[in-house]
């Protein structure tokens, strides 16, 4: 799992993938040593424009593991949330996951995005 933010128009990883001994390994909060894997973040959010959380399968498409940066296309997806209806964004994501993203992994593919929109 990867958690990132869009801050000042920059994509930043705030919680990198924490892979175990095996690919696709999952840590559960019911595990004996869950405290060693549990992460809690605290801070100001006024300059944060959006949050993204994705599963390992999705991060195969949206995380450059060589340079350890989030793919710039996520900025475009955050813009979709700003300019298009939720149903249009969901339709576009569904199409891209079906035709591109899920084909790059054998793992589950999930993503959640949240964008701050200033209502005046």
PDB file of N, CA and C in Angstrom:
ATOM      1  N   UNK A   1       0.832  -1.165   0.000  1.00  0.00           N
ATOM      2  CA  UNK A   1       0.000   0.000   0.000  1.00  0.00           C
ATOM      3  C   UNK A   1       0.887   1.242   0.000  1.00  0.00           C
ATOM      4  N   UNK A   2       0.443   2.244  -0.726  1.00  0.00           N
ATOM      5  CA  UNK A   2       1.156   3.519  -0.815  1.00  0.00           C
ATOM      6  C   UNK A   2       0.158   4.635  -0.512  1.00  0.00           C
ATOM      7  N   UNK A   3       0.601   5.606   0.273  1.00  0.00           N
ATOM      8  CA  UNK A   3      -0.217   6.789   0.522  1.00  0.00           C
ATOM      9  C   UNK A   3       0.578   7.999   0.064  1.00  0.00           C
ATOM     10  N   UNK A   4      -0.086   8.847  -0.717  1.00  0.00           N
ATOM     11  CA  UNK A   4       0.562  10.050  -1.208  1.00  0.00           C
ATOM     12  C   UNK A   4      -0.341  11.252  -1.066  1.00  0.00           C
ATOM     13  N   UNK A   5       0.262  12.412  -1.221  1.00  0.00           N
ATOM     14  CA  UNK A   5      -0.498  13.658  -1.176  1.00  0.00           C
ATOM     15  C   UNK A   5      -0.143  14.519  -2.384  1.00  0.00           C
ATOM     16  N   UNK A   6      -1.049  15.403  -2.705  1.00  0.00           N
ATOM     17  CA  UNK A   6      -0.795  16.452  -3.677  1.00  0.00           C
ATOM     18  C   UNK A   6      -0.694  17.738  -2.869  1.00  0.00           C
ATOM     19  N   UNK A   7       0.502  18.302  -2.825  1.00  0.00           N
ATOM     20  CA  UNK A   7       0.747  19.503  -2.023  1.00  0.00           C
ATOM     21  C   UNK A   7       1.495  20.514  -2.870  1.00  0.00           C
ATOM     22  N   UNK A   8       0.926  21.689  -2.973  1.00  0.00           N
ATOM     23  CA  UNK A   8       1.527  22.749  -3.793  1.00  0.00           C
ATOM     24  C   UNK A   8       1.844  22.242  -5.200  1.00  0.00           C
ATOM     25  N   UNK A   9       0.909  21.463  -5.737  1.00  0.00           N
ATOM     26  CA  UNK A   9       0.994  20.901  -7.089  1.00  0.00           C
ATOM     27  C   UNK A   9       2.091  19.844  -7.246  1.00  0.00           C
ATOM     28  N   UNK A  10       2.632  19.342  -6.131  1.00  0.00           N
ATOM     29  CA  UNK A  10       3.654  18.292  -6.151  1.00  0.00           C
ATOM     30  C   UNK A  10       3.111  17.023  -5.519  1.00  0.00           C
ATOM     31  N   UNK A  11       3.434  15.886  -6.119  1.00  0.00           N
ATOM     32  CA  UNK A  11       3.063  14.596  -5.563  1.00  0.00           C
ATOM     33  C   UNK A  11       4.144  14.147  -4.587  1.00  0.00           C
ATOM     34  N   UNK A  12       3.736  13.776  -3.388  1.00  0.00           N
ATOM     35  CA  UNK A  12       4.685  13.392  -2.344  1.00  0.00           C
ATOM     36  C   UNK A  12       4.216  12.086  -1.713  1.00  0.00           C
ATOM     37  N   UNK A  13       5.113  11.143  -1.576  1.00  0.00           N
ATOM     38  CA  UNK A  13       4.792   9.898  -0.887  1.00  0.00           C
ATOM     39  C   UNK A  13       4.942  10.148   0.607  1.00  0.00           C
ATOM     40  N   UNK A  14       3.862   9.905   1.360  1.00  0.00           N
ATOM     41  CA  UNK A  14       3.961  10.072   2.812  1.00  0.00           C
ATOM     42  C   UNK A  14       4.024   8.722   3.530  1.00  0.00           C
ATOM     43  N   UNK A  15       3.609   7.670   2.838  1.00  0.00           N
ATOM     44  CA  UNK A  15       3.714   6.328   3.408  1.00  0.00           C
ATOM     45  C   UNK A  15       4.103   5.375   2.277  1.00  0.00           C
ATOM     46  N   UNK A  16       5.379   5.055   2.206  1.00  0.00           N
ATOM     47  CA  UNK A  16       5.851   4.181   1.131  1.00  0.00           C
ATOM     48  C   UNK A  16       5.388   2.742   1.352  1.00  0.00           C
ATOM     49  N   UNK A  17       5.476   1.920   0.325  1.00  0.00           N
ATOM     50  CA  UNK A  17       5.096   0.524   0.501  1.00  0.00           C
ATOM     51  C   UNK A  17       5.999  -0.137   1.539  1.00  0.00           C
ATOM     52  N   UNK A  18       5.404  -0.987   2.332  1.00  0.00           N
ATOM     53  CA  UNK A  18       6.138  -1.703   3.370  1.00  0.00           C
ATOM     54  C   UNK A  18       6.034  -3.182   3.048  1.00  0.00           C
ATOM     55  N   UNK A  19       6.867  -3.623   2.148  1.00  0.00           N
ATOM     56  CA  UNK A  19       6.785  -5.000   1.707  1.00  0.00           C
ATOM     57  C   UNK A  19       7.465  -5.921   2.698  1.00  0.00           C
ATOM     58  N   UNK A  20       6.912  -7.078   2.805  1.00  0.00           N
ATOM     59  CA  UNK A  20       7.471  -8.082   3.701  1.00  0.00           C
ATOM     60  C   UNK A  20       8.427  -8.994   2.963  1.00  0.00           C
ATOM     61  N   UNK A  21       8.573 -10.164   3.488  1.00  0.00           N
ATOM     62  CA  UNK A  21       9.486 -11.149   2.906  1.00  0.00           C
ATOM     63  C   UNK A  21       9.025 -11.596   1.524  1.00  0.00           C
ATOM     64  N   UNK A  22       7.706 -11.619   1.317  1.00  0.00           N
ATOM     65  CA  UNK A  22       7.146 -12.100   0.057  1.00  0.00           C
ATOM     66  C   UNK A  22       6.367 -10.982  -0.624  1.00  0.00           C
ATOM     67  N   UNK A  23       6.328 -11.029  -1.952  1.00  0.00           N
ATOM     68  CA  UNK A  23       5.529 -10.064  -2.700  1.00  0.00           C
ATOM     69  C   UNK A  23       4.066 -10.239  -2.308  1.00  0.00           C
ATOM     70  N   UNK A  24       3.333  -9.163  -2.305  1.00  0.00           N
ATOM     71  CA  UNK A  24       1.905  -9.152  -2.000  1.00  0.00           C
ATOM     72  C   UNK A  24       1.597  -9.551  -0.564  1.00  0.00           C
ATOM     73  N   UNK A  25       2.563  -9.460   0.318  1.00  0.00           N
ATOM     74  CA  UNK A  25       2.337  -9.795   1.721  1.00  0.00           C
ATOM     75  C   UNK A  25       1.540  -8.679   2.382  1.00  0.00           C
ATOM     76  N   UNK A  26       0.578  -9.065   3.207  1.00  0.00           N
ATOM     77  CA  UNK A  26      -0.288  -8.100   3.870  1.00  0.00           C
ATOM     78  C   UNK A  26      -0.093  -8.176   5.373  1.00  0.00           C
ATOM     79  N   UNK A  27      -0.073  -7.021   6.006  1.00  0.00           N
ATOM     80  CA  UNK A  27      -0.019  -6.949   7.461  1.00  0.00           C
ATOM     81  C   UNK A  27      -1.411  -6.577   7.958  1.00  0.00           C
ATOM     82  N   UNK A  28      -1.901  -7.317   8.922  1.00  0.00           N
ATOM     83  CA  UNK A  28      -3.233  -7.073   9.465  1.00  0.00           C
ATOM     84  C   UNK A  28      -3.136  -6.485  10.863  1.00  0.00           C
ATOM     85  N   UNK A  29      -4.137  -5.695  11.237  1.00  0.00           N
ATOM     86  CA  UNK A  29      -4.116  -5.118  12.583  1.00  0.00           C
ATOM     87  C   UNK A  29      -4.355  -6.183  13.644  1.00  0.00           C
ATOM     88  N   UNK A  30      -4.722  -7.385  13.234  1.00  0.00           N
ATOM     89  CA  UNK A  30      -4.885  -8.489  14.177  1.00  0.00           C
ATOM     90  C   UNK A  30      -3.599  -9.307  14.310  1.00  0.00           C
ATOM     91  N   UNK A  31      -2.562  -8.930  13.576  1.00  0.00           N
ATOM     92  CA  UNK A  31      -1.285  -9.631  13.660  1.00  0.00           C
ATOM     93  C   UNK A  31      -0.655  -9.385  15.026  1.00  0.00           C
ATOM     94  N   UNK A  32       0.167 -10.313  15.463  1.00  0.00           N
ATOM     95  CA  UNK A  32       0.809 -10.215  16.768  1.00  0.00           C
ATOM     96  C   UNK A  32       1.643  -8.941  16.900  1.00  0.00           C
ATOM     97  N   UNK A  33       2.391  -8.586  15.867  1.00  0.00           N
ATOM     98  CA  UNK A  33       3.274  -7.417  15.944  1.00  0.00           C
ATOM     99  C   UNK A  33       2.759  -6.228  15.136  1.00  0.00           C
ATOM    100  N   UNK A  34       1.432  -6.063  15.102  1.00  0.00           N
ATOM    101  CA  UNK A  34       0.860  -4.982  14.306  1.00  0.00           C
ATOM    102  C   UNK A  34       1.396  -3.600  14.712  1.00  0.00           C
ATOM    103  N   UNK A  35       1.757  -3.417  15.982  1.00  0.00           N
ATOM    104  CA  UNK A  35       2.240  -2.119  16.444  1.00  0.00           C
ATOM    105  C   UNK A  35       3.500  -1.681  15.701  1.00  0.00           C
ATOM    106  N   UNK A  36       4.295  -2.632  15.237  1.00  0.00           N
ATOM    107  CA  UNK A  36       5.522  -2.310  14.512  1.00  0.00           C
ATOM    108  C   UNK A  36       5.248  -1.853  13.077  1.00  0.00           C
ATOM    109  N   UNK A  37       4.051  -2.109  12.583  1.00  0.00           N
ATOM    110  CA  UNK A  37       3.709  -1.743  11.209  1.00  0.00           C
ATOM    111  C   UNK A  37       2.701  -0.597  11.135  1.00  0.00           C
ATOM    112  N   UNK A  38       2.022  -0.340  12.217  1.00  0.00           N
ATOM    113  CA  UNK A  38       0.984   0.683  12.254  1.00  0.00           C
ATOM    114  C   UNK A  38       1.617   2.068  12.164  1.00  0.00           C
ATOM    115  N   UNK A  39       1.079   2.905  11.277  1.00  0.00           N
ATOM    116  CA  UNK A  39       1.612   4.256  11.102  1.00  0.00           C
ATOM    117  C   UNK A  39       0.495   5.261  11.315  1.00  0.00           C
ATOM    118  N   UNK A  40       0.797   6.303  12.026  1.00  0.00           N
ATOM    119  CA  UNK A  40      -0.155   7.363  12.279  1.00  0.00           C
ATOM    120  C   UNK A  40       0.541   8.681  11.968  1.00  0.00           C
ATOM    121  N   UNK A  41      -0.113   9.521  11.175  1.00  0.00           N
ATOM    122  CA  UNK A  41       0.484  10.787  10.775  1.00  0.00           C
ATOM    123  C   UNK A  41      -0.326  11.940  11.355  1.00  0.00           C
ATOM    124  N   UNK A  42       0.377  12.989  11.702  1.00  0.00           N
ATOM    125  CA  UNK A  42      -0.259  14.170  12.265  1.00  0.00           C
ATOM    126  C   UNK A  42       0.396  15.397  11.651  1.00  0.00           C
ATOM    127  N   UNK A  43      -0.403  16.387  11.330  1.00  0.00           N
ATOM    128  CA  UNK A  43       0.168  17.612  10.795  1.00  0.00           C
ATOM    129  C   UNK A  43      -0.890  18.518  10.212  1.00  0.00           C
ATOM    130  N   UNK A  44      -0.458  19.629   9.720  1.00  0.00           N
ATOM    131  CA  UNK A  44      -1.338  20.615   9.100  1.00  0.00           C
ATOM    132  C   UNK A  44      -1.704  20.160   7.687  1.00  0.00           C
ATOM    133  N   UNK A  45      -2.928  20.430   7.280  1.00  0.00           N
ATOM    134  CA  UNK A  45      -3.357  20.020   5.943  1.00  0.00           C
ATOM    135  C   UNK A  45      -3.751  21.197   5.054  1.00  0.00           C
ATOM    136  N   UNK A  46      -3.528  22.416   5.536  1.00  0.00           N
ATOM    137  CA  UNK A  46      -4.023  23.559   4.773  1.00  0.00           C
ATOM    138  C   UNK A  46      -3.422  23.679   3.373  1.00  0.00           C
ATOM    139  N   UNK A  47      -2.202  23.214   3.134  1.00  0.00           N
ATOM    140  CA  UNK A  47      -1.599  23.283   1.804  1.00  0.00           C
ATOM    141  C   UNK A  47      -1.734  21.979   1.025  1.00  0.00           C
ATOM    142  N   UNK A  48      -2.396  21.017   1.603  1.00  0.00           N
ATOM    143  CA  UNK A  48      -2.585  19.739   0.919  1.00  0.00           C
ATOM    144  C   UNK A  48      -3.845  19.819   0.073  1.00  0.00           C
ATOM    145  N   UNK A  49      -3.675  19.538  -1.214  1.00  0.00           N
ATOM    146  CA  UNK A  49      -4.798  19.619  -2.150  1.00  0.00           C
ATOM    147  C   UNK A  49      -5.534  18.294  -2.273  1.00  0.00           C
ATOM    148  N   UNK A  50      -4.831  17.174  -2.002  1.00  0.00           N
ATOM    149  CA  UNK A  50      -5.486  15.886  -2.142  1.00  0.00           C
ATOM    150  C   UNK A  50      -4.684  14.754  -1.538  1.00  0.00           C
ATOM    151  N   UNK A  51      -5.368  13.632  -1.335  1.00  0.00           N
ATOM    152  CA  UNK A  51      -4.765  12.413  -0.805  1.00  0.00           C
ATOM    153  C   UNK A  51      -5.053  11.268  -1.762  1.00  0.00           C
ATOM    154  N   UNK A  52      -4.114  10.339  -1.848  1.00  0.00           N
ATOM    155  CA  UNK A  52      -4.322   9.119  -2.625  1.00  0.00           C
ATOM    156  C   UNK A  52      -3.793   7.945  -1.809  1.00  0.00           C
ATOM    157  N   UNK A  53      -4.536   6.868  -1.798  1.00  0.00           N
ATOM    158  CA  UNK A  53      -4.085   5.625  -1.182  1.00  0.00           C
ATOM    159  C   UNK A  53      -4.342   4.530  -2.206  1.00  0.00           C
ATOM    160  N   UNK A  54      -3.357   3.666  -2.383  1.00  0.00           N
ATOM    161  CA  UNK A  54      -3.505   2.622  -3.403  1.00  0.00           C
ATOM    162  C   UNK A  54      -2.902   1.311  -2.922  1.00  0.00           C
ATOM    163  N   UNK A  55      -3.457   0.251  -3.443  1.00  0.00           N
ATOM    164  CA  UNK A  55      -2.958  -1.079  -3.118  1.00  0.00           C
ATOM    165  C   UNK A  55      -1.672  -1.354  -3.890  1.00  0.00           C
ATOM    166  N   UNK A  56      -1.011  -2.436  -3.516  1.00  0.00           N
ATOM    167  CA  UNK A  56       0.246  -2.804  -4.185  1.00  0.00           C
ATOM    168  C   UNK A  56       0.050  -3.002  -5.687  1.00  0.00           C
ATOM    169  N   UNK A  57      -1.043  -3.637  -6.071  1.00  0.00           N
ATOM    170  CA  UNK A  57      -1.294  -3.869  -7.491  1.00  0.00           C
ATOM    171  C   UNK A  57      -1.407  -2.577  -8.276  1.00  0.00           C
ATOM    172  N   UNK A  58      -2.097  -1.610  -7.726  1.00  0.00           N
ATOM    173  CA  UNK A  58      -2.241  -0.312  -8.379  1.00  0.00           C
ATOM    174  C   UNK A  58      -0.918   0.440  -8.403  1.00  0.00           C
ATOM    175  N   UNK A  59      -0.145   0.294  -7.340  1.00  0.00           N
ATOM    176  CA  UNK A  59       1.135   1.011  -7.301  1.00  0.00           C
ATOM    177  C   UNK A  59       2.106   0.515  -8.368  1.00  0.00           C
ATOM    178  N   UNK A  60       1.873  -0.678  -8.920  1.00  0.00           N
ATOM    179  CA  UNK A  60       2.698  -1.138 -10.041  1.00  0.00           C
ATOM    180  C   UNK A  60       2.596  -0.186 -11.227  1.00  0.00           C
ATOM    181  N   UNK A  61       1.472   0.500 -11.341  1.00  0.00           N
ATOM    182  CA  UNK A  61       1.276   1.448 -12.437  1.00  0.00           C
ATOM    183  C   UNK A  61       1.550   2.892 -12.041  1.00  0.00           C
ATOM    184  N   UNK A  62       1.369   3.225 -10.769  1.00  0.00           N
ATOM    185  CA  UNK A  62       1.440   4.620 -10.341  1.00  0.00           C
ATOM    186  C   UNK A  62       2.653   4.966  -9.479  1.00  0.00           C
ATOM    187  N   UNK A  63       3.559   4.027  -9.290  1.00  0.00           N
ATOM    188  CA  UNK A  63       4.753   4.294  -8.489  1.00  0.00           C
ATOM    189  C   UNK A  63       5.988   3.901  -9.287  1.00  0.00           C
ATOM    190  N   UNK A  64       6.856   4.855  -9.516  1.00  0.00           N
ATOM    191  CA  UNK A  64       8.139   4.591 -10.165  1.00  0.00           C
ATOM    192  C   UNK A  64       9.076   4.071  -9.080  1.00  0.00           C
ATOM    193  N   UNK A  65       9.289   2.764  -9.061  1.00  0.00           N
ATOM    194  CA  UNK A  65      10.082   2.146  -7.997  1.00  0.00           C
ATOM    195  C   UNK A  65      11.576   2.394  -8.164  1.00  0.00           C
ATOM    196  N   UNK A  66      12.001   2.805  -9.355  1.00  0.00           N
ATOM    197  CA  UNK A  66      13.407   3.134  -9.571  1.00  0.00           C
ATOM    198  C   UNK A  66      13.765   4.456  -8.901  1.00  0.00           C
ATOM    199  N   UNK A  67      12.936   5.477  -9.148  1.00  0.00           N
ATOM    200  CA  UNK A  67      13.178   6.808  -8.583  1.00  0.00           C
ATOM    201  C   UNK A  67      12.348   7.084  -7.334  1.00  0.00           C
ATOM    202  N   UNK A  68      11.482   6.148  -7.005  1.00  0.00           N
ATOM    203  CA  UNK A  68      10.615   6.218  -5.841  1.00  0.00           C
ATOM    204  C   UNK A  68       9.793   7.504  -5.815  1.00  0.00           C
ATOM    205  N   UNK A  69       9.072   7.730  -6.904  1.00  0.00           N
ATOM    206  CA  UNK A  69       8.172   8.875  -7.014  1.00  0.00           C
ATOM    207  C   UNK A  69       6.837   8.402  -7.580  1.00  0.00           C
ATOM    208  N   UNK A  70       5.800   9.149  -7.269  1.00  0.00           N
ATOM    209  CA  UNK A  70       4.487   8.850  -7.820  1.00  0.00           C
ATOM    210  C   UNK A  70       4.419   9.326  -9.267  1.00  0.00           C
ATOM    211  N   UNK A  71       3.685   8.593 -10.069  1.00  0.00           N
ATOM    212  CA  UNK A  71       3.563   8.911 -11.490  1.00  0.00           C
ATOM    213  C   UNK A  71       2.827  10.235 -11.686  1.00  0.00           C
ATOM    214  N   UNK A  72       3.336  11.092 -12.562  1.00  0.00           N
ATOM    215  CA  UNK A  72       2.712  12.399 -12.810  1.00  0.00           C
ATOM    216  C   UNK A  72       1.258  12.309 -13.258  1.00  0.00           C
ATOM    217  N   UNK A  73       0.844  11.188 -13.822  1.00  0.00           N
ATOM    218  CA  UNK A  73      -0.545  11.039 -14.264  1.00  0.00           C
ATOM    219  C   UNK A  73      -1.520  11.214 -13.099  1.00  0.00           C
ATOM    220  N   UNK A  74      -1.046  10.955 -11.869  1.00  0.00           N
ATOM    221  CA  UNK A  74      -1.926  11.158 -10.713  1.00  0.00           C
ATOM    222  C   UNK A  74      -2.337  12.617 -10.564  1.00  0.00           C
ATOM    223  N   UNK A  75      -1.479  13.544 -10.965  1.00  0.00           N
ATOM    224  CA  UNK A  75      -1.844  14.961 -10.938  1.00  0.00           C
ATOM    225  C   UNK A  75      -3.025  15.204 -11.866  1.00  0.00           C
ATOM    226  N   UNK A  76      -3.003  14.558 -13.038  1.00  0.00           N
ATOM    227  CA  UNK A  76      -4.118  14.683 -13.975  1.00  0.00           C
ATOM    228  C   UNK A  76      -5.401  14.114 -13.373  1.00  0.00           C
ATOM    229  N   UNK A  77      -5.273  12.981 -12.696  1.00  0.00           N
ATOM    230  CA  UNK A  77      -6.456  12.362 -12.088  1.00  0.00           C
ATOM    231  C   UNK A  77      -7.005  13.268 -10.980  1.00  0.00           C
ATOM    232  N   UNK A  78      -6.127  13.885 -10.205  1.00  0.00           N
ATOM    233  CA  UNK A  78      -6.600  14.860  -9.217  1.00  0.00           C
ATOM    234  C   UNK A  78      -7.335  16.009  -9.906  1.00  0.00           C
ATOM    235  N   UNK A  79      -6.855  16.436 -11.076  1.00  0.00           N
ATOM    236  CA  UNK A  79      -7.545  17.489 -11.821  1.00  0.00           C
ATOM    237  C   UNK A  79      -8.909  17.022 -12.317  1.00  0.00           C
ATOM    238  N   UNK A  80      -9.022  15.745 -12.678  1.00  0.00           N
ATOM    239  CA  UNK A  80     -10.335  15.221 -13.062  1.00  0.00           C
ATOM    240  C   UNK A  80     -11.332  15.482 -11.935  1.00  0.00           C
ATOM    241  N   UNK A  81     -10.893  15.242 -10.699  1.00  0.00           N
ATOM    242  CA  UNK A  81     -11.784  15.431  -9.551  1.00  0.00           C
ATOM    243  C   UNK A  81     -12.198  16.882  -9.385  1.00  0.00           C
ATOM    244  N   UNK A  82     -11.377  17.769  -9.871  1.00  0.00           N
ATOM    245  CA  UNK A  82     -11.669  19.197  -9.765  1.00  0.00           C
ATOM    246  C   UNK A  82     -12.643  19.663 -10.852  1.00  0.00           C
ATOM    247  N   UNK A  83     -12.535  19.069 -12.039  1.00  0.00           N
ATOM    248  CA  UNK A  83     -13.279  19.590 -13.187  1.00  0.00           C
ATOM    249  C   UNK A  83     -14.440  18.731 -13.665  1.00  0.00           C
ATOM    250  N   UNK A  84     -14.520  17.472 -13.218  1.00  0.00           N
ATOM    251  CA  UNK A  84     -15.566  16.580 -13.716  1.00  0.00           C
ATOM    252  C   UNK A  84     -16.388  15.999 -12.571  1.00  0.00           C
ATOM    253  N   UNK A  85     -17.563  15.524 -12.909  1.00  0.00           N
ATOM    254  CA  UNK A  85     -18.431  14.930 -11.904  1.00  0.00           C
ATOM    255  C   UNK A  85     -17.848  13.605 -11.405  1.00  0.00           C
ATOM    256  N   UNK A  86     -18.280  13.216 -10.238  1.00  0.00           N
ATOM    257  CA  UNK A  86     -17.823  11.953  -9.649  1.00  0.00           C
ATOM    258  C   UNK A  86     -18.115  10.783 -10.576  1.00  0.00           C
ATOM    259  N   UNK A  87     -19.293  10.784 -11.199  1.00  0.00           N
ATOM    260  CA  UNK A  87     -19.646   9.665 -12.082  1.00  0.00           C
ATOM    261  C   UNK A  87     -18.730   9.603 -13.303  1.00  0.00           C
ATOM    262  N   UNK A  88     -18.347  10.747 -13.853  1.00  0.00           N
ATOM    263  CA  UNK A  88     -17.423  10.746 -15.000  1.00  0.00           C
ATOM    264  C   UNK A  88     -16.034  10.262 -14.589  1.00  0.00           C
ATOM    265  N   UNK A  89     -15.577  10.690 -13.423  1.00  0.00           N
ATOM    266  CA  UNK A  89     -14.265  10.254 -12.936  1.00  0.00           C
ATOM    267  C   UNK A  89     -14.286   8.755 -12.675  1.00  0.00           C
ATOM    268  N   UNK A  90     -15.332   8.265 -12.023  1.00  0.00           N
ATOM    269  CA  UNK A  90     -15.443   6.825 -11.765  1.00  0.00           C
ATOM    270  C   UNK A  90     -15.444   6.018 -13.058  1.00  0.00           C
ATOM    271  N   UNK A  91     -16.153   6.514 -14.055  1.00  0.00           N
ATOM    272  CA  UNK A  91     -16.212   5.826 -15.353  1.00  0.00           C
ATOM    273  C   UNK A  91     -14.829   5.779 -16.006  1.00  0.00           C
ATOM    274  N   UNK A  92     -14.106   6.895 -15.970  1.00  0.00           N
ATOM    275  CA  UNK A  92     -12.764   6.944 -16.559  1.00  0.00           C
ATOM    276  C   UNK A  92     -11.799   6.035 -15.801  1.00  0.00           C
ATOM    277  N   UNK A  93     -11.867   6.048 -14.467  1.00  0.00           N
ATOM    278  CA  UNK A  93     -10.999   5.176 -13.672  1.00  0.00           C
ATOM    279  C   UNK A  93     -11.305   3.708 -13.947  1.00  0.00           C
ATOM    280  N   UNK A  94     -12.578   3.368 -13.991  1.00  0.00           N
ATOM    281  CA  UNK A  94     -12.984   1.979 -14.253  1.00  0.00           C
ATOM    282  C   UNK A  94     -12.437   1.504 -15.596  1.00  0.00           C
ATOM    283  N   UNK A  95     -12.554   2.340 -16.603  1.00  0.00           N
ATOM    284  CA  UNK A  95     -12.057   1.991 -17.943  1.00  0.00           C
ATOM    285  C   UNK A  95     -10.537   1.787 -17.920  1.00  0.00           C
ATOM    286  N   UNK A  96      -9.823   2.703 -17.280  1.00  0.00           N
ATOM    287  CA  UNK A  96      -8.362   2.602 -17.222  1.00  0.00           C
ATOM    288  C   UNK A  96      -7.897   1.413 -16.387  1.00  0.00           C
ATOM    289  N   UNK A  97      -8.588   1.134 -15.293  1.00  0.00           N
ATOM    290  CA  UNK A  97      -8.222  -0.028 -14.477  1.00  0.00           C
ATOM    291  C   UNK A  97      -8.460  -1.319 -15.254  1.00  0.00           C
ATOM    292  N   UNK A  98      -9.575  -1.379 -15.952  1.00  0.00           N
ATOM    293  CA  UNK A  98      -9.913  -2.592 -16.710  1.00  0.00           C
ATOM    294  C   UNK A  98      -8.949  -2.827 -17.869  1.00  0.00           C
ATOM    295  N   UNK A  99      -8.622  -1.775 -18.602  1.00  0.00           N
ATOM    296  CA  UNK A  99      -7.858  -1.929 -19.842  1.00  0.00           C
ATOM    297  C   UNK A  99      -6.348  -1.770 -19.703  1.00  0.00           C
ATOM    298  N   UNK A 100      -5.878  -1.190 -18.594  1.00  0.00           N
ATOM    299  CA  UNK A 100      -4.443  -0.922 -18.465  1.00  0.00           C
ATOM    300  C   UNK A 100      -3.875  -1.414 -17.127  1.00  0.00           C
ATOM    301  N   UNK A 101      -4.372  -0.861 -16.054  1.00  0.00           N
ATOM    302  CA  UNK A 101      -3.747  -1.047 -14.741  1.00  0.00           C
ATOM    303  C   UNK A 101      -3.790  -2.483 -14.255  1.00  0.00           C
ATOM    304  N   UNK A 102      -4.938  -3.136 -14.339  1.00  0.00           N
ATOM    305  CA  UNK A 102      -5.023  -4.510 -13.840  1.00  0.00           C
ATOM    306  C   UNK A 102      -4.213  -5.487 -14.677  1.00  0.00           C
ATOM    307  N   UNK A 103      -3.879  -5.117 -15.895  1.00  0.00           N
ATOM    308  CA  UNK A 103      -3.094  -5.987 -16.771  1.00  0.00           C
ATOM    309  C   UNK A 103      -1.612  -5.990 -16.406  1.00  0.00           C
ATOM    310  N   UNK A 104      -1.193  -5.063 -15.542  1.00  0.00           N
ATOM    311  CA  UNK A 104       0.214  -4.954 -15.152  1.00  0.00           C
ATOM    312  C   UNK A 104       0.517  -5.644 -13.823  1.00  0.00           C
ATOM    313  N   UNK A 105      -0.464  -6.397 -13.291  1.00  0.00           N
ATOM    314  CA  UNK A 105      -0.262  -7.027 -11.998  1.00  0.00           C
ATOM    315  C   UNK A 105      -1.146  -8.259 -11.859  1.00  0.00           C
ATOM    316  N   UNK A 106      -0.770  -9.113 -10.938  1.00  0.00           N
ATOM    317  CA  UNK A 106      -1.633 -10.236 -10.567  1.00  0.00           C
ATOM    318  C   UNK A 106      -2.242  -9.981  -9.192  1.00  0.00           C
ATOM    319  N   UNK A 107      -1.916  -8.843  -8.605  1.00  0.00           N
ATOM    320  CA  UNK A 107      -2.403  -8.464  -7.276  1.00  0.00           C
ATOM    321  C   UNK A 107      -3.711  -7.683  -7.421  1.00  0.00           C
ATOM    322  N   UNK A 108      -4.358  -7.441  -6.282  1.00  0.00           N
ATOM    323  CA  UNK A 108      -5.581  -6.637  -6.316  1.00  0.00           C
ATOM    324  C   UNK A 108      -5.250  -5.201  -6.716  1.00  0.00           C
ATOM    325  N   UNK A 109      -6.227  -4.536  -7.301  1.00  0.00           N
ATOM    326  CA  UNK A 109      -6.052  -3.150  -7.735  1.00  0.00           C
ATOM    327  C   UNK A 109      -7.139  -2.290  -7.111  1.00  0.00           C
ATOM    328  N   UNK A 110      -6.732  -1.415  -6.207  1.00  0.00           N
ATOM    329  CA  UNK A 110      -7.687  -0.480  -5.629  1.00  0.00           C
ATOM    330  C   UNK A 110      -7.005   0.864  -5.423  1.00  0.00           C
ATOM    331  N   UNK A 111      -7.834   1.900  -5.465  1.00  0.00           N
ATOM    332  CA  UNK A 111      -7.335   3.255  -5.278  1.00  0.00           C
ATOM    333  C   UNK A 111      -8.447   4.090  -4.651  1.00  0.00           C
ATOM    334  N   UNK A 112      -8.056   5.004  -3.792  1.00  0.00           N
ATOM    335  CA  UNK A 112      -8.993   5.979  -3.232  1.00  0.00           C
ATOM    336  C   UNK A 112      -8.334   7.343  -3.352  1.00  0.00           C
ATOM    337  N   UNK A 113      -9.075   8.293  -3.867  1.00  0.00           N
ATOM    338  CA  UNK A 113      -8.574   9.652  -4.033  1.00  0.00           C
ATOM    339  C   UNK A 113      -9.531  10.626  -3.362  1.00  0.00           C
ATOM    340  N   UNK A 114      -8.964  11.641  -2.789  1.00  0.00           N
ATOM    341  CA  UNK A 114      -9.757  12.702  -2.186  1.00  0.00           C
ATOM    342  C   UNK A 114      -9.076  14.020  -2.544  1.00  0.00           C
ATOM    343  N   UNK A 115      -9.876  14.938  -3.055  1.00  0.00           N
ATOM    344  CA  UNK A 115      -9.318  16.231  -3.439  1.00  0.00           C
ATOM    345  C   UNK A 115     -10.090  17.336  -2.761  1.00  0.00           C
ATOM    346  N   UNK A 116      -9.363  18.304  -2.261  1.00  0.00           N
ATOM    347  CA  UNK A 116      -9.994  19.477  -1.647  1.00  0.00           C
ATOM    348  C   UNK A 116     -10.408  20.417  -2.768  1.00  0.00           C
ATOM    349  N   UNK A 117     -11.658  20.813  -2.716  1.00  0.00           N
ATOM    350  CA  UNK A 117     -12.175  21.769  -3.686  1.00  0.00           C
ATOM    351  C   UNK A 117     -12.675  22.975  -2.895  1.00  0.00           C
ATOM    352  N   UNK A 118     -12.139  24.130  -3.209  1.00  0.00           N
ATOM    353  CA  UNK A 118     -12.542  25.349  -2.501  1.00  0.00           C
ATOM    354  C   UNK A 118     -13.893  25.816  -3.012  1.00  0.00           C
ATOM    355  N   UNK A 119     -14.852  25.835  -2.139  1.00  0.00           N
ATOM    356  CA  UNK A 119     -16.192  26.345  -2.476  1.00  0.00           C
ATOM    357  C   UNK A 119     -16.291  27.757  -1.954  1.00  0.00           C
ATOM    358  N   UNK A 120     -16.591  28.680  -2.844  1.00  0.00           N
ATOM    359  CA  UNK A 120     -16.689  30.093  -2.438  1.00  0.00           C
ATOM    360  C   UNK A 120     -18.103  30.561  -2.465  1.00  0.00           C
TER     361      UNK A 120
END
